[in-house]
Amino acid sequence: MPSKKLFLSSIIICVLLSFPIINSVWASSVMWSQTYGGEGSDHAHWLVETSDGGYAIAGYTRDLDAPEEEDDFWLVKTDADGNMEWNQTYGGMESDMVRSLIVTSDGGYALAGSTWLIKTDTQGIMEWKQTYVGTDARSLVETSDGGFALAGSTSSFTKNLLSPDFWLIKTDVNGVMEWNQTYDYNKWWEHANFVVETADGGYAIAGIAAFPPTSSSV
């Protein structure tokens, strides 16, 4: 117990000593700041700059005292000064998070969540939604043929352990799956966090692979 008290005291001292420096940097560098949302729980998970110099922010919003399963996914569009121009919510996707947001070639937006992909028009109005059961997408790109590539993980039960493998899916322009591949590197836990389309038309993915925890005596 004494060690925990000492650790907490060290953090507080560090924050207090650093505050004047942080405050000085904030005062000299911040051009503007904006807040969005109401009395409930509002979370931003992804941000992109738009072609008009504004920003698009994706996350979720939840009414005050509402349970997690009533989260609505939220897309906010602002001007260059962060003033909200419009916002859209998308319900019916349980409590999955927005994992990735991109501006598409037609000026609309594509949002990826744990098991789904949403395409909107320039005003954030949903054009279509696709779901991919048993997957967890973390990264999204629009491909050269107008479709999409998503990377993340897909899970299978092996030796009674939930063992995710790297996963890559390619869709057409409407989000319909054309193919998918899994990559098993014989680790305990594998998850792709990023995907890019390469110059030769292929894909490169990067992520994390972990070995199983080992037991140790106390």
C-alpha atoms as a PDB file:
ATOM      1  CA  MET A   1       0.000   0.000   0.000  1.00  0.00           C
ATOM      2  CA  PRO A   2       2.746   2.621   0.758  1.00  0.00           C
ATOM      3  CA  SER A   3       4.249   2.098  -2.694  1.00  0.00           C
ATOM      4  CA  LYS A   4       0.893   2.919  -4.338  1.00  0.00           C
ATOM      5  CA  LYS A   5       0.618   6.182  -2.376  1.00  0.00           C
ATOM      6  CA  LEU A   6       4.146   7.188  -3.418  1.00  0.00           C
ATOM      7  CA  PHE A   7       3.388   6.417  -7.058  1.00  0.00           C
ATOM      8  CA  LEU A   8       0.228   8.559  -6.999  1.00  0.00           C
ATOM      9  CA  SER A   9       2.091  11.464  -5.366  1.00  0.00           C
ATOM     10  CA  SER A  10       4.782  11.347  -8.047  1.00  0.00           C
ATOM     11  CA  ILE A  11       2.196  11.625 -10.833  1.00  0.00           C
ATOM     12  CA  ILE A  12       0.476  14.608  -9.210  1.00  0.00           C
ATOM     13  CA  ILE A  13       3.753  16.479  -8.703  1.00  0.00           C
ATOM     14  CA  CYS A  14       4.765  15.864 -12.302  1.00  0.00           C
ATOM     15  CA  VAL A  15       1.468  17.193 -13.602  1.00  0.00           C
ATOM     16  CA  LEU A  16       1.579  20.303 -11.398  1.00  0.00           C
ATOM     17  CA  LEU A  17       5.148  21.150 -12.359  1.00  0.00           C
ATOM     18  CA  SER A  18       4.399  20.622 -16.021  1.00  0.00           C
ATOM     19  CA  PHE A  19       1.203  22.690 -16.032  1.00  0.00           C
ATOM     20  CA  PRO A  20       2.792  26.147 -16.549  1.00  0.00           C
ATOM     21  CA  ILE A  21       4.751  24.802 -19.534  1.00  0.00           C
ATOM     22  CA  ILE A  22       1.691  23.117 -21.038  1.00  0.00           C
ATOM     23  CA  ASN A  23      -0.383  26.244 -20.462  1.00  0.00           C
ATOM     24  CA  SER A  24       2.220  28.410 -22.206  1.00  0.00           C
ATOM     25  CA  VAL A  25       2.363  26.143 -25.250  1.00  0.00           C
ATOM     26  CA  TRP A  26      -1.451  25.999 -25.376  1.00  0.00           C
ATOM     27  CA  ALA A  27      -1.748  29.806 -25.272  1.00  0.00           C
ATOM     28  CA  SER A  28       0.800  30.336 -28.040  1.00  0.00           C
ATOM     29  CA  SER A  29      -0.214  27.583 -30.480  1.00  0.00           C
ATOM     30  CA  VAL A  30      -3.982  26.932 -30.317  1.00  0.00           C
ATOM     31  CA  MET A  31      -5.844  28.897 -33.001  1.00  0.00           C
ATOM     32  CA  TRP A  32      -9.321  27.769 -31.967  1.00  0.00           C
ATOM     33  CA  SER A  33     -11.147  25.032 -30.113  1.00  0.00           C
ATOM     34  CA  GLN A  34     -14.678  23.704 -30.398  1.00  0.00           C
ATOM     35  CA  THR A  35     -16.842  21.266 -28.494  1.00  0.00           C
ATOM     36  CA  TYR A  36     -19.631  19.113 -29.915  1.00  0.00           C
ATOM     37  CA  GLY A  37     -22.338  17.152 -28.192  1.00  0.00           C
ATOM     38  CA  GLY A  38     -24.872  17.486 -25.433  1.00  0.00           C
ATOM     39  CA  GLU A  39     -25.501  16.159 -21.951  1.00  0.00           C
ATOM     40  CA  GLY A  40     -24.921  12.513 -22.813  1.00  0.00           C
ATOM     41  CA  SER A  41     -21.730  10.650 -23.666  1.00  0.00           C
ATOM     42  CA  ASP A  42     -20.043  11.797 -26.888  1.00  0.00           C
ATOM     43  CA  HIS A  43     -16.793  10.238 -28.100  1.00  0.00           C
ATOM     44  CA  ALA A  44     -14.611  11.047 -31.126  1.00  0.00           C
ATOM     45  CA  HIS A  45     -12.502   8.193 -32.514  1.00  0.00           C
ATOM     46  CA  TRP A  46     -11.344   9.395 -35.931  1.00  0.00           C
ATOM     47  CA  LEU A  47     -10.588  12.693 -37.678  1.00  0.00           C
ATOM     48  CA  VAL A  48      -9.851  13.574 -41.315  1.00  0.00           C
ATOM     49  CA  GLU A  49      -9.329  16.873 -43.111  1.00  0.00           C
ATOM     50  CA  THR A  50     -11.785  17.470 -45.954  1.00  0.00           C
ATOM     51  CA  SER A  51     -11.129  18.967 -49.391  1.00  0.00           C
ATOM     52  CA  ASP A  52     -12.692  22.321 -48.396  1.00  0.00           C
ATOM     53  CA  GLY A  53     -10.256  22.738 -45.497  1.00  0.00           C
ATOM     54  CA  GLY A  54     -12.746  21.630 -42.877  1.00  0.00           C
ATOM     55  CA  TYR A  55     -12.838  18.438 -40.848  1.00  0.00           C
ATOM     56  CA  ALA A  56     -14.905  15.282 -40.497  1.00  0.00           C
ATOM     57  CA  ILE A  57     -15.053  13.623 -37.084  1.00  0.00           C
ATOM     58  CA  ALA A  58     -16.421  10.137 -36.438  1.00  0.00           C
ATOM     59  CA  GLY A  59     -17.347   8.592 -33.127  1.00  0.00           C
ATOM     60  CA  TYR A  60     -20.475   7.798 -31.178  1.00  0.00           C
ATOM     61  CA  THR A  61     -23.084   9.596 -29.120  1.00  0.00           C
ATOM     62  CA  ARG A  62     -25.248   8.259 -26.306  1.00  0.00           C
ATOM     63  CA  ASP A  63     -28.160   9.894 -24.509  1.00  0.00           C
ATOM     64  CA  LEU A  64     -27.796  10.645 -20.826  1.00  0.00           C
ATOM     65  CA  ASP A  65     -28.333   7.488 -18.717  1.00  0.00           C
ATOM     66  CA  ALA A  66     -28.784   5.326 -21.850  1.00  0.00           C
ATOM     67  CA  PRO A  67     -27.096   1.874 -21.865  1.00  0.00           C
ATOM     68  CA  GLU A  68     -24.143   1.103 -24.139  1.00  0.00           C
ATOM     69  CA  GLU A  69     -26.280  -0.880 -26.564  1.00  0.00           C
ATOM     70  CA  GLU A  70     -28.114   2.349 -27.435  1.00  0.00           C
ATOM     71  CA  ASP A  71     -25.005   4.093 -28.797  1.00  0.00           C
ATOM     72  CA  ASP A  72     -25.522   5.848 -32.115  1.00  0.00           C
ATOM     73  CA  PHE A  73     -22.608   6.314 -34.463  1.00  0.00           C
ATOM     74  CA  TRP A  74     -21.938   9.948 -35.142  1.00  0.00           C
ATOM     75  CA  LEU A  75     -20.391  11.837 -38.047  1.00  0.00           C
ATOM     76  CA  VAL A  76     -19.717  15.568 -37.706  1.00  0.00           C
ATOM     77  CA  LYS A  77     -18.634  17.898 -40.523  1.00  0.00           C
ATOM     78  CA  THR A  78     -17.092  21.269 -39.690  1.00  0.00           C
ATOM     79  CA  ASP A  79     -15.687  24.233 -41.563  1.00  0.00           C
ATOM     80  CA  ALA A  80     -12.030  25.281 -41.362  1.00  0.00           C
ATOM     81  CA  ASP A  81     -12.636  26.962 -37.995  1.00  0.00           C
ATOM     82  CA  GLY A  82     -14.330  23.941 -36.484  1.00  0.00           C
ATOM     83  CA  ASN A  83     -17.851  25.345 -36.695  1.00  0.00           C
ATOM     84  CA  MET A  84     -20.303  22.490 -37.186  1.00  0.00           C
ATOM     85  CA  GLU A  85     -21.915  22.442 -40.627  1.00  0.00           C
ATOM     86  CA  TRP A  86     -23.908  19.250 -40.142  1.00  0.00           C
ATOM     87  CA  ASN A  87     -23.969  16.002 -38.191  1.00  0.00           C
ATOM     88  CA  GLN A  88     -25.527  12.607 -38.798  1.00  0.00           C
ATOM     89  CA  THR A  89     -26.184   9.649 -36.515  1.00  0.00           C
ATOM     90  CA  TYR A  90     -26.473   5.996 -37.501  1.00  0.00           C
ATOM     91  CA  GLY A  91     -28.323   3.632 -35.175  1.00  0.00           C
ATOM     92  CA  GLY A  92     -28.851  -0.089 -35.009  1.00  0.00           C
ATOM     93  CA  MET A  93     -25.200  -1.159 -34.809  1.00  0.00           C
ATOM     94  CA  GLU A  94     -25.107  -2.072 -31.133  1.00  0.00           C
ATOM     95  CA  SER A  95     -21.983  -0.811 -29.334  1.00  0.00           C
ATOM     96  CA  ASP A  96     -19.311  -1.227 -32.005  1.00  0.00           C
ATOM     97  CA  MET A  97     -16.861   1.660 -32.276  1.00  0.00           C
ATOM     98  CA  VAL A  98     -15.986   3.622 -35.394  1.00  0.00           C
ATOM     99  CA  ARG A  99     -12.537   2.230 -36.198  1.00  0.00           C
ATOM    100  CA  SER A 100     -11.713   4.189 -39.345  1.00  0.00           C
ATOM    101  CA  LEU A 101     -13.039   7.095 -41.424  1.00  0.00           C
ATOM    102  CA  ILE A 102     -12.063   8.186 -44.945  1.00  0.00           C
ATOM    103  CA  VAL A 103     -13.237  10.760 -47.473  1.00  0.00           C
ATOM    104  CA  THR A 104     -14.202   8.875 -50.635  1.00  0.00           C
ATOM    105  CA  SER A 105     -13.434   9.900 -54.207  1.00  0.00           C
ATOM    106  CA  ASP A 106     -17.014  11.155 -54.740  1.00  0.00           C
ATOM    107  CA  GLY A 107     -16.733  13.510 -51.749  1.00  0.00           C
ATOM    108  CA  GLY A 108     -18.724  11.273 -49.429  1.00  0.00           C
ATOM    109  CA  TYR A 109     -17.482   9.284 -46.454  1.00  0.00           C
ATOM    110  CA  ALA A 110     -16.847   5.668 -45.544  1.00  0.00           C
ATOM    111  CA  LEU A 111     -16.836   4.539 -41.912  1.00  0.00           C
ATOM    112  CA  ALA A 112     -15.669   1.158 -40.692  1.00  0.00           C
ATOM    113  CA  GLY A 113     -16.593  -0.416 -37.369  1.00  0.00           C
ATOM    114  CA  SER A 114     -15.909  -3.750 -35.764  1.00  0.00           C
ATOM    115  CA  THR A 115     -18.110  -5.735 -38.160  1.00  0.00           C
ATOM    116  CA  TRP A 116     -19.537  -3.190 -40.576  1.00  0.00           C
ATOM    117  CA  LEU A 117     -18.898  -0.651 -43.330  1.00  0.00           C
ATOM    118  CA  ILE A 118     -21.062   2.420 -43.999  1.00  0.00           C
ATOM    119  CA  LYS A 119     -20.961   4.626 -47.095  1.00  0.00           C
ATOM    120  CA  THR A 120     -22.501   8.116 -47.024  1.00  0.00           C
ATOM    121  CA  ASP A 121     -22.988  10.974 -49.455  1.00  0.00           C
ATOM    122  CA  THR A 122     -21.384  14.425 -49.094  1.00  0.00           C
ATOM    123  CA  GLN A 123     -23.875  15.378 -46.373  1.00  0.00           C
ATOM    124  CA  GLY A 124     -23.332  12.223 -44.338  1.00  0.00           C
ATOM    125  CA  ILE A 125     -26.632  10.638 -45.401  1.00  0.00           C
ATOM    126  CA  MET A 126     -26.228   6.858 -45.472  1.00  0.00           C
ATOM    127  CA  GLU A 127     -26.203   5.319 -48.957  1.00  0.00           C
ATOM    128  CA  TRP A 128     -25.597   1.742 -47.854  1.00  0.00           C
ATOM    129  CA  LYS A 129     -24.342  -0.441 -45.006  1.00  0.00           C
ATOM    130  CA  GLN A 130     -22.668  -3.853 -45.091  1.00  0.00           C
ATOM    131  CA  THR A 131     -21.830  -6.177 -42.212  1.00  0.00           C
ATOM    132  CA  TYR A 132     -19.143  -8.861 -42.065  1.00  0.00           C
ATOM    133  CA  VAL A 133     -19.873 -11.419 -39.355  1.00  0.00           C
ATOM    134  CA  GLY A 134     -17.006 -12.727 -37.240  1.00  0.00           C
ATOM    135  CA  THR A 135     -14.602  -9.941 -38.103  1.00  0.00           C
ATOM    136  CA  ASP A 136     -13.086  -6.912 -36.391  1.00  0.00           C
ATOM    137  CA  ALA A 137     -12.006  -4.212 -38.875  1.00  0.00           C
ATOM    138  CA  ARG A 138      -9.492  -1.588 -37.741  1.00  0.00           C
ATOM    139  CA  SER A 139      -8.353   0.074 -40.970  1.00  0.00           C
ATOM    140  CA  LEU A 140     -10.036   1.121 -44.218  1.00  0.00           C
ATOM    141  CA  VAL A 141      -8.902   2.399 -47.619  1.00  0.00           C
ATOM    142  CA  GLU A 142     -10.699   3.129 -50.880  1.00  0.00           C
ATOM    143  CA  THR A 143      -9.112   1.052 -53.640  1.00  0.00           C
ATOM    144  CA  SER A 144      -8.163   2.133 -57.159  1.00  0.00           C
ATOM    145  CA  ASP A 145     -11.224   0.372 -58.643  1.00  0.00           C
ATOM    146  CA  GLY A 146     -13.615   2.280 -56.376  1.00  0.00           C
ATOM    147  CA  GLY A 147     -14.091  -0.538 -53.880  1.00  0.00           C
ATOM    148  CA  PHE A 148     -12.715  -0.826 -50.362  1.00  0.00           C
ATOM    149  CA  ALA A 149     -10.141  -2.839 -48.461  1.00  0.00           C
ATOM    150  CA  LEU A 150     -10.521  -3.444 -44.730  1.00  0.00           C
ATOM    151  CA  ALA A 151      -7.959  -4.991 -42.403  1.00  0.00           C
ATOM    152  CA  GLY A 152      -8.315  -6.313 -38.885  1.00  0.00           C
ATOM    153  CA  SER A 153      -8.803  -9.774 -37.453  1.00  0.00           C
ATOM    154  CA  THR A 154     -11.108 -12.729 -37.645  1.00  0.00           C
ATOM    155  CA  SER A 155     -11.421 -15.298 -34.892  1.00  0.00           C
ATOM    156  CA  SER A 156     -11.668 -19.065 -34.828  1.00  0.00           C
ATOM    157  CA  PHE A 157     -11.684 -21.509 -31.952  1.00  0.00           C
ATOM    158  CA  THR A 158      -8.481 -23.503 -31.921  1.00  0.00           C
ATOM    159  CA  LYS A 159      -7.739 -25.850 -29.034  1.00  0.00           C
ATOM    160  CA  ASN A 160     -10.564 -24.158 -27.089  1.00  0.00           C
ATOM    161  CA  LEU A 161      -8.825 -20.761 -27.271  1.00  0.00           C
ATOM    162  CA  LEU A 162     -10.140 -17.716 -29.098  1.00  0.00           C
ATOM    163  CA  SER A 163      -7.293 -17.112 -31.562  1.00  0.00           C
ATOM    164  CA  PRO A 164      -7.603 -14.073 -33.875  1.00  0.00           C
ATOM    165  CA  ASP A 165      -5.683 -14.082 -37.165  1.00  0.00           C
ATOM    166  CA  PHE A 166      -4.764 -11.224 -39.493  1.00  0.00           C
ATOM    167  CA  TRP A 167      -7.668 -10.583 -41.854  1.00  0.00           C
ATOM    168  CA  LEU A 168      -8.001  -8.673 -45.143  1.00  0.00           C
ATOM    169  CA  ILE A 169     -11.227  -8.150 -47.101  1.00  0.00           C
ATOM    170  CA  LYS A 170     -11.762  -6.597 -50.532  1.00  0.00           C
ATOM    171  CA  THR A 171     -15.196  -5.248 -51.508  1.00  0.00           C
ATOM    172  CA  ASP A 172     -16.791  -3.740 -54.594  1.00  0.00           C
ATOM    173  CA  VAL A 173     -18.111  -0.156 -54.770  1.00  0.00           C
ATOM    174  CA  ASN A 174     -21.193  -1.162 -52.784  1.00  0.00           C
ATOM    175  CA  GLY A 175     -19.297  -2.888 -49.997  1.00  0.00           C
ATOM    176  CA  VAL A 176     -20.171  -6.375 -51.223  1.00  0.00           C
ATOM    177  CA  MET A 177     -17.339  -8.752 -50.383  1.00  0.00           C
ATOM    178  CA  GLU A 178     -15.316  -9.894 -53.406  1.00  0.00           C
ATOM    179  CA  TRP A 179     -12.773 -11.919 -51.442  1.00  0.00           C
ATOM    180  CA  ASN A 180     -11.124 -12.192 -48.049  1.00  0.00           C
ATOM    181  CA  GLN A 181      -7.919 -13.705 -46.755  1.00  0.00           C
ATOM    182  CA  THR A 182      -6.642 -14.673 -43.323  1.00  0.00           C
ATOM    183  CA  TYR A 183      -2.974 -14.833 -42.350  1.00  0.00           C
ATOM    184  CA  ASP A 184      -1.986 -17.051 -39.438  1.00  0.00           C
ATOM    185  CA  TYR A 185       1.540 -16.538 -38.077  1.00  0.00           C
ATOM    186  CA  ASN A 186       1.096 -19.164 -35.367  1.00  0.00           C
ATOM    187  CA  LYS A 187       1.001 -16.638 -32.561  1.00  0.00           C
ATOM    188  CA  TRP A 188      -1.566 -16.609 -29.784  1.00  0.00           C
ATOM    189  CA  TRP A 189      -3.141 -13.278 -30.802  1.00  0.00           C
ATOM    190  CA  GLU A 190      -2.818 -11.448 -34.147  1.00  0.00           C
ATOM    191  CA  HIS A 191      -4.499  -8.236 -35.232  1.00  0.00           C
ATOM    192  CA  ALA A 192      -3.937  -6.009 -38.282  1.00  0.00           C
ATOM    193  CA  ASN A 193      -4.233  -2.298 -37.519  1.00  0.00           C
ATOM    194  CA  PHE A 194      -3.308  -0.676 -40.853  1.00  0.00           C
ATOM    195  CA  VAL A 195      -3.771  -1.361 -44.562  1.00  0.00           C
ATOM    196  CA  VAL A 196      -2.533   0.461 -47.678  1.00  0.00           C
ATOM    197  CA  GLU A 197      -2.920  -0.286 -51.372  1.00  0.00           C
ATOM    198  CA  THR A 198       0.510  -0.652 -52.961  1.00  0.00           C
ATOM    199  CA  ALA A 199       1.690   0.682 -56.323  1.00  0.00           C
ATOM    200  CA  ASP A 200       1.441  -2.766 -57.940  1.00  0.00           C
ATOM    201  CA  GLY A 201      -2.233  -3.111 -56.968  1.00  0.00           C
ATOM    202  CA  GLY A 202      -1.586  -5.333 -53.978  1.00  0.00           C
ATOM    203  CA  TYR A 203      -1.962  -4.550 -50.290  1.00  0.00           C
ATOM    204  CA  ALA A 204       0.338  -4.168 -47.308  1.00  0.00           C
ATOM    205  CA  ILE A 205      -0.971  -4.666 -43.790  1.00  0.00           C
ATOM    206  CA  ALA A 206       0.680  -4.090 -40.434  1.00  0.00           C
ATOM    207  CA  GLY A 207      -0.407  -5.025 -36.956  1.00  0.00           C
ATOM    208  CA  ILE A 208       0.504  -6.864 -33.798  1.00  0.00           C
ATOM    209  CA  ALA A 209       1.181 -10.504 -32.963  1.00  0.00           C
ATOM    210  CA  ALA A 210       1.472 -11.681 -29.380  1.00  0.00           C
ATOM    211  CA  PHE A 211       2.603 -14.904 -27.743  1.00  0.00           C
ATOM    212  CA  PRO A 212       0.407 -16.459 -25.032  1.00  0.00           C
ATOM    213  CA  PRO A 213       1.007 -15.288 -21.473  1.00  0.00           C
ATOM    214  CA  THR A 214       3.224 -17.522 -19.377  1.00  0.00           C
ATOM    215  CA  SER A 215       2.476 -18.453 -15.798  1.00  0.00           C
ATOM    216  CA  SER A 216       5.011 -17.556 -13.126  1.00  0.00           C
ATOM    217  CA  SER A 217       5.285 -18.299  -9.471  1.00  0.00           C
ATOM    218  CA  VAL A 218       4.624 -15.497  -6.973  1.00  0.00           C
END
